[in-house]
Amino acid sequence: MIKLSVSYPTGEGTTFDHDYYAASHVPLCNAVFSPLKTEVEKGIDGPNAAGVHFYFETMEVMQAIFGNPKMGDVMADVVNYTNIAPVMQVSEIVG
């Protein structure tokens, strides 16, 4: 199983609208990505304001989302909830 994690590091002058993110952006991502499972995080203590994890059966399935024509809609929506540049990590679930 493959996990795509997207985090939003906090910093001086950063903003993040958690309500918009949970109610609008993540559902848009789910519609475009069709992941097996999604987990949304709201940072309480630590380096990130928020994060999301999308789970996919294989690397090929995960990589295919970047070729989806609707990916542009996902990326264009980021300005509606934050001024933070997202940080992505791809991991293989091993346990």
N, C-alpha and C. Protein backbone atom coordinates (compact mmCIF):
# COMPACT_ATOMS: atom_id res chain seq x y z
N MET A 1 0.85 -1.17 0.00
CA MET A 1 0.00 0.00 0.00
C MET A 1 0.90 1.23 0.00
N ILE A 2 0.45 2.28 -0.70
CA ILE A 2 1.19 3.53 -0.82
C ILE A 2 0.41 4.65 -0.14
N LYS A 3 1.15 5.50 0.60
CA LYS A 3 0.54 6.64 1.28
C LYS A 3 1.13 7.92 0.72
N LEU A 4 0.28 8.81 0.25
CA LEU A 4 0.68 10.14 -0.16
C LEU A 4 0.29 11.09 0.97
N SER A 5 1.30 11.72 1.59
CA SER A 5 1.07 12.66 2.68
C SER A 5 1.35 14.07 2.18
N VAL A 6 0.46 14.98 2.54
CA VAL A 6 0.65 16.39 2.21
C VAL A 6 0.55 17.15 3.53
N SER A 7 1.61 17.89 3.85
CA SER A 7 1.61 18.66 5.10
C SER A 7 1.82 20.13 4.79
N TYR A 8 1.41 20.96 5.76
CA TYR A 8 1.46 22.41 5.62
C TYR A 8 2.21 22.96 6.83
N PRO A 9 3.52 23.22 6.67
CA PRO A 9 4.33 23.71 7.80
C PRO A 9 3.90 25.11 8.27
N THR A 10 3.88 25.28 9.59
CA THR A 10 3.56 26.59 10.14
C THR A 10 4.78 27.50 10.03
N GLY A 11 4.53 28.77 10.12
CA GLY A 11 5.60 29.75 10.08
C GLY A 11 5.03 31.14 10.25
N GLU A 12 5.89 32.08 10.38
CA GLU A 12 5.45 33.46 10.57
C GLU A 12 4.65 33.93 9.35
N GLY A 13 3.45 34.44 9.61
CA GLY A 13 2.60 34.96 8.55
C GLY A 13 1.79 33.93 7.80
N THR A 14 1.88 32.65 8.21
CA THR A 14 1.11 31.63 7.50
C THR A 14 -0.35 31.63 7.95
N THR A 15 -1.23 31.29 7.02
CA THR A 15 -2.66 31.20 7.32
C THR A 15 -3.18 29.86 6.80
N PHE A 16 -4.21 29.35 7.48
CA PHE A 16 -4.81 28.08 7.07
C PHE A 16 -6.26 28.05 7.52
N ASP A 17 -7.19 27.85 6.58
CA ASP A 17 -8.62 27.77 6.87
C ASP A 17 -9.01 26.29 6.97
N HIS A 18 -9.03 25.76 8.19
CA HIS A 18 -9.32 24.34 8.40
C HIS A 18 -10.73 23.96 7.97
N ASP A 19 -11.69 24.85 8.16
CA ASP A 19 -13.07 24.55 7.77
C ASP A 19 -13.19 24.36 6.26
N TYR A 20 -12.62 25.28 5.50
CA TYR A 20 -12.67 25.17 4.04
C TYR A 20 -11.93 23.90 3.59
N TYR A 21 -10.78 23.67 4.19
CA TYR A 21 -9.97 22.51 3.83
C TYR A 21 -10.75 21.21 3.98
N ALA A 22 -11.38 21.04 5.15
CA ALA A 22 -12.11 19.80 5.43
C ALA A 22 -13.41 19.70 4.63
N ALA A 23 -14.09 20.82 4.44
CA ALA A 23 -15.41 20.79 3.80
C ALA A 23 -15.35 20.86 2.27
N SER A 24 -14.28 21.46 1.73
CA SER A 24 -14.24 21.67 0.27
C SER A 24 -13.03 21.05 -0.41
N HIS A 25 -11.83 21.36 0.09
CA HIS A 25 -10.64 20.91 -0.63
C HIS A 25 -10.43 19.40 -0.57
N VAL A 26 -10.50 18.83 0.62
CA VAL A 26 -10.27 17.39 0.72
C VAL A 26 -11.33 16.59 -0.04
N PRO A 27 -12.62 16.97 0.02
CA PRO A 27 -13.60 16.26 -0.83
C PRO A 27 -13.28 16.38 -2.33
N LEU A 28 -12.77 17.54 -2.77
CA LEU A 28 -12.35 17.69 -4.17
C LEU A 28 -11.22 16.71 -4.48
N CYS A 29 -10.24 16.64 -3.59
CA CYS A 29 -9.14 15.69 -3.78
C CYS A 29 -9.65 14.25 -3.86
N ASN A 30 -10.54 13.90 -2.97
CA ASN A 30 -11.08 12.53 -2.97
C ASN A 30 -11.81 12.22 -4.28
N ALA A 31 -12.53 13.20 -4.81
CA ALA A 31 -13.25 12.98 -6.08
C ALA A 31 -12.27 12.78 -7.23
N VAL A 32 -11.15 13.48 -7.21
CA VAL A 32 -10.16 13.37 -8.28
C VAL A 32 -9.26 12.16 -8.09
N PHE A 33 -8.85 11.89 -6.86
CA PHE A 33 -7.87 10.84 -6.59
C PHE A 33 -8.46 9.44 -6.42
N SER A 34 -9.68 9.34 -5.92
CA SER A 34 -10.32 8.06 -5.59
C SER A 34 -9.42 7.17 -4.72
N PRO A 35 -8.95 7.69 -3.59
CA PRO A 35 -8.08 6.88 -2.72
C PRO A 35 -8.87 5.78 -2.01
N LEU A 36 -8.14 4.80 -1.49
CA LEU A 36 -8.77 3.75 -0.68
C LEU A 36 -9.26 4.33 0.64
N LYS A 37 -8.50 5.28 1.18
CA LYS A 37 -8.78 5.86 2.49
C LYS A 37 -8.12 7.23 2.55
N THR A 38 -8.73 8.13 3.33
CA THR A 38 -8.18 9.47 3.54
C THR A 38 -8.23 9.80 5.02
N GLU A 39 -7.14 10.40 5.53
CA GLU A 39 -7.09 10.88 6.92
C GLU A 39 -6.70 12.36 6.88
N VAL A 40 -7.45 13.19 7.57
CA VAL A 40 -7.18 14.62 7.64
C VAL A 40 -6.73 14.96 9.05
N GLU A 41 -5.68 15.77 9.16
CA GLU A 41 -5.13 16.15 10.46
C GLU A 41 -5.17 17.66 10.64
N LYS A 42 -5.50 18.09 11.85
CA LYS A 42 -5.39 19.49 12.24
C LYS A 42 -4.29 19.56 13.28
N GLY A 43 -3.21 20.26 12.97
CA GLY A 43 -2.08 20.34 13.88
C GLY A 43 -2.44 21.03 15.18
N ILE A 44 -2.01 20.44 16.28
CA ILE A 44 -2.22 21.02 17.60
C ILE A 44 -0.88 21.48 18.17
N ASP A 45 0.12 20.62 18.09
CA ASP A 45 1.45 20.93 18.60
C ASP A 45 2.45 20.27 17.66
N GLY A 46 3.31 21.05 17.09
CA GLY A 46 4.29 20.50 16.16
C GLY A 46 4.53 21.44 15.00
N PRO A 47 5.24 20.97 14.01
CA PRO A 47 5.66 21.86 12.93
C PRO A 47 4.62 22.13 11.84
N ASN A 48 3.49 21.41 11.85
CA ASN A 48 2.53 21.55 10.77
C ASN A 48 1.17 22.07 11.24
N ALA A 49 0.60 22.95 10.43
CA ALA A 49 -0.75 23.47 10.69
C ALA A 49 -1.80 22.41 10.38
N ALA A 50 -1.51 21.60 9.38
CA ALA A 50 -2.47 20.58 8.94
C ALA A 50 -1.75 19.55 8.07
N GLY A 51 -2.47 18.49 7.80
CA GLY A 51 -1.94 17.46 6.91
C GLY A 51 -3.06 16.56 6.45
N VAL A 52 -2.78 15.83 5.41
CA VAL A 52 -3.74 14.85 4.89
C VAL A 52 -2.94 13.67 4.36
N HIS A 53 -3.52 12.49 4.48
CA HIS A 53 -2.89 11.26 4.00
C HIS A 53 -3.89 10.53 3.11
N PHE A 54 -3.45 10.23 1.90
CA PHE A 54 -4.27 9.48 0.94
C PHE A 54 -3.60 8.12 0.75
N TYR A 55 -4.38 7.06 0.80
CA TYR A 55 -3.85 5.71 0.66
C TYR A 55 -4.30 5.11 -0.67
N PHE A 56 -3.33 4.45 -1.34
CA PHE A 56 -3.58 3.85 -2.65
C PHE A 56 -3.07 2.41 -2.66
N GLU A 57 -3.68 1.59 -3.49
CA GLU A 57 -3.30 0.18 -3.57
C GLU A 57 -1.86 0.01 -4.06
N THR A 58 -1.48 0.76 -5.10
CA THR A 58 -0.14 0.61 -5.68
C THR A 58 0.46 1.97 -6.03
N MET A 59 1.76 1.99 -6.28
CA MET A 59 2.44 3.20 -6.72
C MET A 59 1.89 3.67 -8.06
N GLU A 60 1.58 2.75 -8.94
CA GLU A 60 1.06 3.10 -10.25
C GLU A 60 -0.29 3.82 -10.14
N VAL A 61 -1.13 3.35 -9.25
CA VAL A 61 -2.44 4.00 -9.04
C VAL A 61 -2.22 5.41 -8.50
N MET A 62 -1.32 5.56 -7.55
CA MET A 62 -1.04 6.87 -6.98
C MET A 62 -0.46 7.81 -8.04
N GLN A 63 0.48 7.33 -8.83
CA GLN A 63 1.11 8.18 -9.84
C GLN A 63 0.12 8.61 -10.92
N ALA A 64 -0.88 7.81 -11.18
CA ALA A 64 -1.87 8.14 -12.21
C ALA A 64 -2.68 9.39 -11.86
N ILE A 65 -2.79 9.72 -10.57
CA ILE A 65 -3.58 10.91 -10.20
C ILE A 65 -2.95 12.18 -10.76
N PHE A 66 -1.62 12.20 -10.92
CA PHE A 66 -0.95 13.39 -11.41
C PHE A 66 -1.22 13.64 -12.89
N GLY A 67 -1.69 12.62 -13.60
CA GLY A 67 -2.06 12.78 -15.00
C GLY A 67 -3.53 13.09 -15.20
N ASN A 68 -4.29 13.12 -14.12
CA ASN A 68 -5.72 13.40 -14.20
C ASN A 68 -5.92 14.86 -14.61
N PRO A 69 -6.74 15.14 -15.63
CA PRO A 69 -6.97 16.52 -16.06
C PRO A 69 -7.55 17.41 -14.95
N LYS A 70 -8.19 16.83 -13.96
CA LYS A 70 -8.78 17.60 -12.85
C LYS A 70 -7.74 17.99 -11.80
N MET A 71 -6.50 17.51 -11.95
CA MET A 71 -5.45 17.86 -10.99
C MET A 71 -5.22 19.37 -10.96
N GLY A 72 -5.40 20.03 -12.08
CA GLY A 72 -5.27 21.49 -12.13
C GLY A 72 -6.27 22.17 -11.21
N ASP A 73 -7.49 21.62 -11.12
CA ASP A 73 -8.51 22.17 -10.22
C ASP A 73 -8.07 22.03 -8.76
N VAL A 74 -7.47 20.90 -8.43
CA VAL A 74 -6.99 20.66 -7.07
C VAL A 74 -5.91 21.68 -6.72
N MET A 75 -4.95 21.86 -7.60
CA MET A 75 -3.84 22.77 -7.32
C MET A 75 -4.33 24.23 -7.27
N ALA A 76 -5.25 24.60 -8.13
CA ALA A 76 -5.77 25.97 -8.15
C ALA A 76 -6.56 26.30 -6.90
N ASP A 77 -7.09 25.29 -6.23
CA ASP A 77 -7.92 25.50 -5.04
C ASP A 77 -7.10 25.81 -3.79
N VAL A 78 -5.81 25.54 -3.80
CA VAL A 78 -4.97 25.72 -2.61
C VAL A 78 -5.04 27.16 -2.09
N VAL A 79 -5.07 28.14 -2.97
CA VAL A 79 -5.10 29.55 -2.54
C VAL A 79 -6.37 29.90 -1.79
N ASN A 80 -7.39 29.05 -1.88
CA ASN A 80 -8.66 29.32 -1.18
C ASN A 80 -8.60 28.99 0.31
N TYR A 81 -7.55 28.29 0.77
CA TYR A 81 -7.49 27.94 2.19
C TYR A 81 -6.15 28.20 2.87
N THR A 82 -5.09 28.47 2.10
CA THR A 82 -3.80 28.69 2.75
C THR A 82 -2.84 29.47 1.87
N ASN A 83 -1.85 30.06 2.54
CA ASN A 83 -0.74 30.68 1.82
C ASN A 83 0.55 29.86 2.03
N ILE A 84 0.39 28.66 2.55
CA ILE A 84 1.51 27.77 2.84
C ILE A 84 1.77 26.86 1.63
N ALA A 85 3.03 26.74 1.23
CA ALA A 85 3.39 25.79 0.17
C ALA A 85 3.31 24.38 0.73
N PRO A 86 2.49 23.51 0.15
CA PRO A 86 2.37 22.15 0.67
C PRO A 86 3.66 21.35 0.45
N VAL A 87 3.92 20.44 1.39
CA VAL A 87 5.07 19.53 1.32
C VAL A 87 4.51 18.12 1.14
N MET A 88 4.97 17.43 0.10
CA MET A 88 4.46 16.08 -0.17
C MET A 88 5.50 15.02 0.14
N GLN A 89 5.01 13.88 0.60
CA GLN A 89 5.86 12.71 0.82
C GLN A 89 5.09 11.48 0.38
N VAL A 90 5.77 10.59 -0.33
CA VAL A 90 5.19 9.30 -0.71
C VAL A 90 5.89 8.22 0.11
N SER A 91 5.09 7.36 0.74
CA SER A 91 5.64 6.29 1.58
C SER A 91 5.01 4.97 1.22
N GLU A 92 5.75 3.91 1.44
CA GLU A 92 5.22 2.56 1.32
C GLU A 92 4.88 2.09 2.72
N ILE A 93 3.67 1.60 2.91
CA ILE A 93 3.24 1.07 4.21
C ILE A 93 3.83 -0.34 4.32
N VAL A 94 4.65 -0.55 5.34
CA VAL A 94 5.34 -1.83 5.49
C VAL A 94 4.90 -2.60 6.72
N GLY A 95 4.05 -2.02 7.50
CA GLY A 95 3.62 -2.73 8.72
C GLY A 95 2.33 -2.21 9.25
